[in-house]
């Protein structure tokens, strides 16, 4: 008897790809969560290297970045602010740039636990998008000096970029945590 695709028990290549993408995102999110496990808010705000990065700021930034890419996947760049990057007065930046800077630090009225809970909600939403959106749908990227003018990215490429961002920042968090108290994610 010949098995038709409808009656096959094997998942489709598309569903396997989606499952792989979600699993990879979850794994690297877990590396970031592991890097902040057991610290308090004061430690989450502490700089341990010459950079401005902190553990709490990284969690907040990765969550904000995931929101931005999830929005891009569903709406394209239409919601991104149109910023004239070449004319910014960095001593008095516009509100969008100040908000971006704030997305990199855990402010006094914020808690690490609150940011982690927020990140969990954001991650669930992104995972749902990866499972349901057409991965081949593409959108023009927002105008920014780090994107080629007129470039378009598919939902798949946005997910892969999000995975790279999460992985990179989980590595940053690991270095900061090791500098803080010697804990390592691996090794």
C-alpha atoms as a PDB file:
ATOM      1  CA  UNK A   1       0.000   0.000   0.000  1.00  0.00           C
ATOM      2  CA  UNK A   2       1.302   3.421  -0.919  1.00  0.00           C
ATOM      3  CA  UNK A   3       1.375   6.059   1.792  1.00  0.00           C
ATOM      4  CA  UNK A   4       0.094   9.482   0.793  1.00  0.00           C
ATOM      5  CA  UNK A   5       1.466  12.625   2.406  1.00  0.00           C
ATOM      6  CA  UNK A   6      -1.859  13.112   4.201  1.00  0.00           C
ATOM      7  CA  UNK A   7      -1.701   9.685   5.836  1.00  0.00           C
ATOM      8  CA  UNK A   8       1.998   9.711   6.646  1.00  0.00           C
ATOM      9  CA  UNK A   9       3.009   9.866  10.295  1.00  0.00           C
ATOM     10  CA  UNK A  10       6.184  11.717   9.403  1.00  0.00           C
ATOM     11  CA  UNK A  11       6.060  15.459  10.044  1.00  0.00           C
ATOM     12  CA  UNK A  12       6.404  17.661   6.993  1.00  0.00           C
ATOM     13  CA  UNK A  13       9.692  19.391   6.263  1.00  0.00           C
ATOM     14  CA  UNK A  14       7.982  22.683   7.098  1.00  0.00           C
ATOM     15  CA  UNK A  15       6.815  21.497  10.515  1.00  0.00           C
ATOM     16  CA  UNK A  16      10.276  20.049  11.260  1.00  0.00           C
ATOM     17  CA  UNK A  17      11.893  23.341  10.279  1.00  0.00           C
ATOM     18  CA  UNK A  18       9.505  25.274  12.493  1.00  0.00           C
ATOM     19  CA  UNK A  19      10.098  22.907  15.412  1.00  0.00           C
ATOM     20  CA  UNK A  20      13.869  23.205  14.933  1.00  0.00           C
ATOM     21  CA  UNK A  21      13.708  27.012  14.901  1.00  0.00           C
ATOM     22  CA  UNK A  22      11.576  27.138  18.050  1.00  0.00           C
ATOM     23  CA  UNK A  23      13.783  24.584  19.815  1.00  0.00           C
ATOM     24  CA  UNK A  24      16.946  26.560  18.936  1.00  0.00           C
ATOM     25  CA  UNK A  25      15.390  29.821  20.156  1.00  0.00           C
ATOM     26  CA  UNK A  26      14.321  28.182  23.406  1.00  0.00           C
ATOM     27  CA  UNK A  27      17.767  26.699  23.993  1.00  0.00           C
ATOM     28  CA  UNK A  28      19.546  30.032  23.609  1.00  0.00           C
ATOM     29  CA  UNK A  29      16.940  31.845  25.673  1.00  0.00           C
ATOM     30  CA  UNK A  30      17.637  29.262  28.382  1.00  0.00           C
ATOM     31  CA  UNK A  31      21.376  30.060  28.214  1.00  0.00           C
ATOM     32  CA  UNK A  32      20.510  33.704  28.891  1.00  0.00           C
ATOM     33  CA  UNK A  33      18.169  32.764  31.741  1.00  0.00           C
ATOM     34  CA  UNK A  34      20.842  30.487  33.227  1.00  0.00           C
ATOM     35  CA  UNK A  35      23.329  33.368  33.205  1.00  0.00           C
ATOM     36  CA  UNK A  36      21.034  35.420  35.468  1.00  0.00           C
ATOM     37  CA  UNK A  37      19.852  32.588  37.712  1.00  0.00           C
ATOM     38  CA  UNK A  38      20.126  33.329  41.406  1.00  0.00           C
ATOM     39  CA  UNK A  39      21.151  37.000  41.226  1.00  0.00           C
ATOM     40  CA  UNK A  40      19.327  39.921  42.793  1.00  0.00           C
ATOM     41  CA  UNK A  41      18.321  43.225  41.200  1.00  0.00           C
ATOM     42  CA  UNK A  42      21.439  44.996  42.438  1.00  0.00           C
ATOM     43  CA  UNK A  43      23.651  42.385  40.792  1.00  0.00           C
ATOM     44  CA  UNK A  44      21.494  42.560  37.659  1.00  0.00           C
ATOM     45  CA  UNK A  45      22.356  46.283  37.386  1.00  0.00           C
ATOM     46  CA  UNK A  46      26.067  45.884  38.111  1.00  0.00           C
ATOM     47  CA  UNK A  47      28.635  46.497  35.372  1.00  0.00           C
ATOM     48  CA  UNK A  48      31.481  43.982  35.569  1.00  0.00           C
ATOM     49  CA  UNK A  49      33.328  44.875  32.366  1.00  0.00           C
ATOM     50  CA  UNK A  50      34.286  48.122  30.649  1.00  0.00           C
ATOM     51  CA  UNK A  51      31.120  47.971  28.540  1.00  0.00           C
ATOM     52  CA  UNK A  52      27.799  49.430  29.644  1.00  0.00           C
ATOM     53  CA  UNK A  53      26.209  45.980  29.529  1.00  0.00           C
ATOM     54  CA  UNK A  54      24.623  44.487  32.626  1.00  0.00           C
ATOM     55  CA  UNK A  55      22.788  41.212  33.126  1.00  0.00           C
ATOM     56  CA  UNK A  56      19.422  42.879  33.714  1.00  0.00           C
ATOM     57  CA  UNK A  57      19.984  45.198  30.774  1.00  0.00           C
ATOM     58  CA  UNK A  58      20.740  42.253  28.510  1.00  0.00           C
ATOM     59  CA  UNK A  59      17.538  40.437  29.481  1.00  0.00           C
ATOM     60  CA  UNK A  60      15.534  43.601  28.878  1.00  0.00           C
ATOM     61  CA  UNK A  61      17.287  44.330  25.574  1.00  0.00           C
ATOM     62  CA  UNK A  62      16.857  40.790  24.231  1.00  0.00           C
ATOM     63  CA  UNK A  63      13.155  40.888  25.138  1.00  0.00           C
ATOM     64  CA  UNK A  64      12.718  44.282  23.434  1.00  0.00           C
ATOM     65  CA  UNK A  65      14.620  43.065  20.377  1.00  0.00           C
ATOM     66  CA  UNK A  66      12.401  39.989  20.170  1.00  0.00           C
ATOM     67  CA  UNK A  67       9.301  42.225  20.254  1.00  0.00           C
ATOM     68  CA  UNK A  68      10.714  44.333  17.420  1.00  0.00           C
ATOM     69  CA  UNK A  69      11.469  41.315  15.223  1.00  0.00           C
ATOM     70  CA  UNK A  70       8.108  39.685  15.991  1.00  0.00           C
ATOM     71  CA  UNK A  71       6.440  42.923  14.910  1.00  0.00           C
ATOM     72  CA  UNK A  72       8.564  42.956  11.766  1.00  0.00           C
ATOM     73  CA  UNK A  73       7.505  39.380  10.994  1.00  0.00           C
ATOM     74  CA  UNK A  74       3.822  40.302  11.141  1.00  0.00           C
ATOM     75  CA  UNK A  75       3.763  43.942  10.021  1.00  0.00           C
ATOM     76  CA  UNK A  76       7.029  44.654   8.263  1.00  0.00           C
ATOM     77  CA  UNK A  77       9.017  47.791   8.957  1.00  0.00           C
ATOM     78  CA  UNK A  78       5.991  50.078   8.883  1.00  0.00           C
ATOM     79  CA  UNK A  79       5.942  50.443  12.666  1.00  0.00           C
ATOM     80  CA  UNK A  80       9.665  51.210  13.026  1.00  0.00           C
ATOM     81  CA  UNK A  81      10.459  54.879  13.670  1.00  0.00           C
ATOM     82  CA  UNK A  82      12.009  56.711  10.718  1.00  0.00           C
ATOM     83  CA  UNK A  83      15.213  58.079  12.228  1.00  0.00           C
ATOM     84  CA  UNK A  84      17.761  60.275  10.468  1.00  0.00           C
ATOM     85  CA  UNK A  85      20.782  58.464  11.898  1.00  0.00           C
ATOM     86  CA  UNK A  86      23.301  60.829  10.344  1.00  0.00           C
ATOM     87  CA  UNK A  87      21.844  63.931  12.013  1.00  0.00           C
ATOM     88  CA  UNK A  88      21.451  62.691  15.594  1.00  0.00           C
ATOM     89  CA  UNK A  89      22.698  65.024  18.307  1.00  0.00           C
ATOM     90  CA  UNK A  90      24.055  62.323  20.606  1.00  0.00           C
ATOM     91  CA  UNK A  91      24.328  64.788  23.507  1.00  0.00           C
ATOM     92  CA  UNK A  92      20.555  65.312  23.275  1.00  0.00           C
ATOM     93  CA  UNK A  93      19.139  62.353  21.344  1.00  0.00           C
ATOM     94  CA  UNK A  94      15.528  62.164  20.164  1.00  0.00           C
ATOM     95  CA  UNK A  95      13.019  60.206  22.263  1.00  0.00           C
ATOM     96  CA  UNK A  96      13.324  57.069  20.095  1.00  0.00           C
ATOM     97  CA  UNK A  97      17.081  56.927  20.674  1.00  0.00           C
ATOM     98  CA  UNK A  98      16.755  57.632  24.401  1.00  0.00           C
ATOM     99  CA  UNK A  99      14.196  54.811  24.637  1.00  0.00           C
ATOM    100  CA  UNK A 100      16.591  52.524  22.784  1.00  0.00           C
ATOM    101  CA  UNK A 101      19.336  53.363  25.308  1.00  0.00           C
ATOM    102  CA  UNK A 102      16.905  52.640  28.160  1.00  0.00           C
ATOM    103  CA  UNK A 103      16.190  49.244  26.598  1.00  0.00           C
ATOM    104  CA  UNK A 104      19.760  48.267  27.512  1.00  0.00           C
ATOM    105  CA  UNK A 105      19.549  48.858  31.245  1.00  0.00           C
ATOM    106  CA  UNK A 106      17.440  47.705  34.155  1.00  0.00           C
ATOM    107  CA  UNK A 107      16.063  50.925  35.595  1.00  0.00           C
ATOM    108  CA  UNK A 108      15.489  51.484  39.334  1.00  0.00           C
ATOM    109  CA  UNK A 109      11.740  50.905  39.017  1.00  0.00           C
ATOM    110  CA  UNK A 110      12.236  47.590  37.181  1.00  0.00           C
ATOM    111  CA  UNK A 111      13.094  44.152  38.529  1.00  0.00           C
ATOM    112  CA  UNK A 112      14.929  41.250  36.997  1.00  0.00           C
ATOM    113  CA  UNK A 113      12.021  38.960  37.893  1.00  0.00           C
ATOM    114  CA  UNK A 114       9.632  41.309  36.116  1.00  0.00           C
ATOM    115  CA  UNK A 115      11.799  41.402  33.011  1.00  0.00           C
ATOM    116  CA  UNK A 116      12.150  37.611  32.980  1.00  0.00           C
ATOM    117  CA  UNK A 117       8.368  37.193  33.245  1.00  0.00           C
ATOM    118  CA  UNK A 118       7.908  39.685  30.419  1.00  0.00           C
ATOM    119  CA  UNK A 119      10.515  37.823  28.356  1.00  0.00           C
ATOM    120  CA  UNK A 120       8.626  34.541  28.888  1.00  0.00           C
ATOM    121  CA  UNK A 121       5.422  36.110  27.509  1.00  0.00           C
ATOM    122  CA  UNK A 122       7.263  37.588  24.546  1.00  0.00           C
ATOM    123  CA  UNK A 123       8.967  34.261  23.828  1.00  0.00           C
ATOM    124  CA  UNK A 124       5.633  32.382  23.844  1.00  0.00           C
ATOM    125  CA  UNK A 125       4.232  34.869  21.336  1.00  0.00           C
ATOM    126  CA  UNK A 126       7.291  34.597  19.068  1.00  0.00           C
ATOM    127  CA  UNK A 127       7.172  30.792  19.221  1.00  0.00           C
ATOM    128  CA  UNK A 128       3.517  30.924  18.112  1.00  0.00           C
ATOM    129  CA  UNK A 129       4.462  33.169  15.194  1.00  0.00           C
ATOM    130  CA  UNK A 130       7.239  30.812  14.093  1.00  0.00           C
ATOM    131  CA  UNK A 131       4.723  27.934  14.190  1.00  0.00           C
ATOM    132  CA  UNK A 132       2.054  29.770  12.178  1.00  0.00           C
ATOM    133  CA  UNK A 133       3.471  32.435   9.858  1.00  0.00           C
ATOM    134  CA  UNK A 134       4.546  31.711   6.293  1.00  0.00           C
ATOM    135  CA  UNK A 135       8.324  31.613   6.695  1.00  0.00           C
ATOM    136  CA  UNK A 136       8.776  32.765   3.086  1.00  0.00           C
ATOM    137  CA  UNK A 137       6.813  36.003   3.515  1.00  0.00           C
ATOM    138  CA  UNK A 138       9.203  38.912   3.236  1.00  0.00           C
ATOM    139  CA  UNK A 139       9.179  42.565   4.208  1.00  0.00           C
ATOM    140  CA  UNK A 140      11.393  45.526   3.462  1.00  0.00           C
ATOM    141  CA  UNK A 141      13.780  46.226   6.332  1.00  0.00           C
ATOM    142  CA  UNK A 142      13.537  49.512   8.231  1.00  0.00           C
ATOM    143  CA  UNK A 143      15.847  52.323   7.204  1.00  0.00           C
ATOM    144  CA  UNK A 144      19.029  52.077   9.262  1.00  0.00           C
ATOM    145  CA  UNK A 145      22.735  52.426   8.463  1.00  0.00           C
ATOM    146  CA  UNK A 146      23.338  48.750   9.239  1.00  0.00           C
ATOM    147  CA  UNK A 147      20.821  47.508   6.610  1.00  0.00           C
ATOM    148  CA  UNK A 148      21.296  47.738   2.867  1.00  0.00           C
ATOM    149  CA  UNK A 149      18.765  50.248   1.464  1.00  0.00           C
ATOM    150  CA  UNK A 150      15.717  48.487   0.062  1.00  0.00           C
ATOM    151  CA  UNK A 151      16.746  45.074   1.418  1.00  0.00           C
ATOM    152  CA  UNK A 152      14.009  42.588   2.217  1.00  0.00           C
ATOM    153  CA  UNK A 153      14.074  39.761   4.752  1.00  0.00           C
ATOM    154  CA  UNK A 154      11.811  36.777   4.965  1.00  0.00           C
ATOM    155  CA  UNK A 155      10.164  35.762   8.225  1.00  0.00           C
ATOM    156  CA  UNK A 156      12.639  32.848   8.264  1.00  0.00           C
ATOM    157  CA  UNK A 157      15.618  35.214   8.024  1.00  0.00           C
ATOM    158  CA  UNK A 158      14.186  37.415  10.780  1.00  0.00           C
ATOM    159  CA  UNK A 159      13.876  34.333  13.011  1.00  0.00           C
ATOM    160  CA  UNK A 160      17.459  33.330  12.223  1.00  0.00           C
ATOM    161  CA  UNK A 161      18.603  36.871  13.016  1.00  0.00           C
ATOM    162  CA  UNK A 162      16.698  36.751  16.297  1.00  0.00           C
ATOM    163  CA  UNK A 163      18.388  33.454  17.106  1.00  0.00           C
ATOM    164  CA  UNK A 164      21.800  35.004  16.399  1.00  0.00           C
ATOM    165  CA  UNK A 165      20.997  38.059  18.558  1.00  0.00           C
ATOM    166  CA  UNK A 166      19.826  35.876  21.436  1.00  0.00           C
ATOM    167  CA  UNK A 167      22.898  33.644  21.181  1.00  0.00           C
ATOM    168  CA  UNK A 168      25.300  36.583  21.043  1.00  0.00           C
ATOM    169  CA  UNK A 169      23.744  38.283  24.053  1.00  0.00           C
ATOM    170  CA  UNK A 170      23.607  35.027  26.021  1.00  0.00           C
ATOM    171  CA  UNK A 171      27.372  34.876  25.495  1.00  0.00           C
ATOM    172  CA  UNK A 172      27.737  38.452  26.704  1.00  0.00           C
ATOM    173  CA  UNK A 173      25.677  37.566  29.774  1.00  0.00           C
ATOM    174  CA  UNK A 174      27.882  34.564  30.462  1.00  0.00           C
ATOM    175  CA  UNK A 175      31.010  36.770  30.476  1.00  0.00           C
ATOM    176  CA  UNK A 176      29.364  39.366  32.708  1.00  0.00           C
ATOM    177  CA  UNK A 177      28.154  36.689  35.138  1.00  0.00           C
ATOM    178  CA  UNK A 178      31.571  35.050  35.272  1.00  0.00           C
ATOM    179  CA  UNK A 179      33.073  38.458  36.071  1.00  0.00           C
ATOM    180  CA  UNK A 180      30.413  39.035  38.731  1.00  0.00           C
ATOM    181  CA  UNK A 181      30.788  35.865  40.764  1.00  0.00           C
ATOM    182  CA  UNK A 182      32.588  33.199  38.760  1.00  0.00           C
ATOM    183  CA  UNK A 183      29.493  31.289  37.590  1.00  0.00           C
ATOM    184  CA  UNK A 184      29.720  29.882  34.057  1.00  0.00           C
ATOM    185  CA  UNK A 185      26.994  28.583  31.824  1.00  0.00           C
ATOM    186  CA  UNK A 186      29.318  25.937  30.426  1.00  0.00           C
ATOM    187  CA  UNK A 187      32.700  24.636  31.446  1.00  0.00           C
END
